[in-house]
Amino acid sequence: MKAIKTSLCKNDRVMVMTGKDKGKSGKIIEILHGKDRARVEGINLVKRHTKPGPNSKGGIVEVEASIHLSNLMLICPKCAEPVRISHKVLDDGKKIRVCKKCSDAIPLEK
């Protein structure tokens, strides 16, 4: 199976387009490139039963499970809506992400 190329990066604000969390938005915590999935803050919460360790108490903990990249859309900082992304090469050779609706550059969040 071939991996999907994605324009999404860590710390991007995204909205879920399908599934049980449809319409919710959050920040990407981690991208799992080999599986074409991402973990999003506050989305797809599941309960994990954990044993007590030296630094943590045991019990039932809610954590974010991964969600497939095809179910996510980037939220444009200017439009404040989920948008498609295109790429543009600047004169100095840098490649940037561009919003398809407002044609504004989308910066990479750190």
Protein backbone atom coordinates (compact mmCIF):
# COMPACT_ATOMS: atom_id res chain seq x y z
CA MET A 1 0.00 0.00 0.00
CA LYS A 2 1.37 3.38 -1.02
CA ALA A 3 1.47 6.25 1.48
CA ILE A 4 -0.67 9.33 0.87
CA LYS A 5 1.14 12.63 0.30
CA THR A 6 -0.22 15.17 2.73
CA SER A 7 -0.02 18.92 3.13
CA LEU A 8 -0.96 18.71 6.79
CA CYS A 9 1.70 19.29 9.44
CA LYS A 10 1.99 19.07 13.20
CA ASN A 11 0.22 21.97 15.03
CA ASP A 12 -2.14 22.67 12.07
CA ARG A 13 -5.78 23.39 12.95
CA VAL A 14 -8.01 20.86 11.20
CA MET A 15 -11.70 19.97 11.01
CA VAL A 16 -13.08 16.43 10.88
CA MET A 17 -15.22 15.95 7.75
CA THR A 18 -16.64 12.44 8.35
CA GLY A 19 -17.21 9.97 11.17
CA LYS A 20 -18.46 10.23 14.73
CA ASP A 21 -16.60 13.52 15.37
CA LYS A 22 -17.81 15.24 12.16
CA GLY A 23 -17.70 19.05 12.47
CA LYS A 24 -15.29 19.11 15.41
CA SER A 25 -11.94 20.84 15.08
CA GLY A 26 -8.62 20.58 16.85
CA LYS A 27 -4.84 20.82 16.57
CA ILE A 28 -2.75 17.99 15.11
CA ILE A 29 -0.62 16.41 17.86
CA GLU A 30 1.20 13.85 15.72
CA ILE A 31 1.20 12.54 12.14
CA LEU A 32 1.75 8.80 11.60
CA HIS A 33 3.18 8.82 8.06
CA GLY A 34 3.45 5.06 7.58
CA LYS A 35 -0.23 4.57 8.40
CA ASP A 36 -1.64 7.76 6.75
CA ARG A 37 -3.20 8.77 10.05
CA ALA A 38 -2.99 11.64 12.54
CA ARG A 39 -3.76 12.21 16.21
CA VAL A 40 -5.86 15.34 16.76
CA GLU A 41 -6.34 17.10 20.11
CA GLY A 42 -9.78 16.26 21.59
CA ILE A 43 -10.90 14.13 18.61
CA ASN A 44 -11.60 10.36 18.53
CA LEU A 45 -11.20 9.88 22.28
CA VAL A 46 -10.95 6.27 23.51
CA LYS A 47 -10.61 4.82 26.99
CA ARG A 48 -7.39 2.99 27.88
CA HIS A 49 -7.00 0.81 30.98
CA THR A 50 -3.51 1.48 32.31
CA LYS A 51 -1.50 -0.24 35.00
CA PRO A 52 0.15 1.87 37.67
CA GLY A 53 3.79 2.64 36.99
CA PRO A 54 6.57 4.31 38.92
CA ASN A 55 5.55 7.78 37.67
CA SER A 56 1.81 7.37 37.04
CA LYS A 57 -1.34 6.14 38.70
CA GLY A 58 -3.32 3.34 37.09
CA GLY A 59 -6.92 3.56 36.01
CA ILE A 60 -9.07 4.36 33.01
CA VAL A 61 -7.54 7.16 30.92
CA GLU A 62 -9.06 8.90 27.89
CA VAL A 63 -6.56 9.37 25.06
CA GLU A 64 -6.79 10.49 21.43
CA ALA A 65 -6.79 7.66 18.90
CA SER A 66 -5.60 8.26 15.35
CA ILE A 67 -7.91 9.31 12.51
CA HIS A 68 -7.27 8.86 8.79
CA LEU A 69 -5.84 11.88 6.95
CA SER A 70 -8.56 11.71 4.28
CA ASN A 71 -11.14 12.62 6.94
CA LEU A 72 -9.39 15.89 7.87
CA MET A 73 -9.35 19.34 6.23
CA LEU A 74 -7.06 22.23 7.13
CA ILE A 75 -8.70 25.34 8.60
CA CYS A 76 -7.39 28.50 6.90
CA PRO A 77 -6.27 31.10 9.48
CA LYS A 78 -7.70 33.95 7.36
CA CYS A 79 -10.99 32.36 6.16
CA ALA A 80 -11.57 30.40 9.41
CA GLU A 81 -13.13 27.64 7.28
CA PRO A 82 -11.98 24.19 6.17
CA VAL A 83 -10.27 24.63 2.80
CA ARG A 84 -8.38 22.77 0.12
CA ILE A 85 -4.69 23.51 -0.23
CA SER A 86 -2.57 24.23 -3.28
CA HIS A 87 1.17 24.76 -3.47
CA LYS A 88 3.06 27.69 -4.94
CA VAL A 89 6.77 28.10 -5.61
CA LEU A 90 8.11 31.56 -4.78
CA ASP A 91 10.82 33.39 -6.76
CA ASP A 92 13.49 32.36 -4.25
CA GLY A 93 12.58 28.66 -4.73
CA LYS A 94 10.63 28.18 -1.47
CA LYS A 95 7.46 26.10 -1.69
CA ILE A 96 4.47 27.39 0.32
CA ARG A 97 0.92 26.23 1.01
CA VAL A 98 -1.87 28.43 -0.37
CA CYS A 99 -5.59 28.53 0.52
CA LYS A 100 -7.81 27.73 -2.49
CA LYS A 101 -10.60 30.10 -1.29
CA CYS A 102 -8.75 33.30 -0.37
CA SER A 103 -5.40 32.65 -2.11
CA ASP A 104 -3.58 33.57 1.10
CA ALA A 105 -0.37 31.80 2.17
CA ILE A 106 -0.78 29.32 5.02
CA PRO A 107 2.27 29.38 7.31
CA LEU A 108 3.74 26.28 8.93
CA GLU A 109 2.96 26.47 12.67
CA LYS A 110 5.82 25.75 15.09
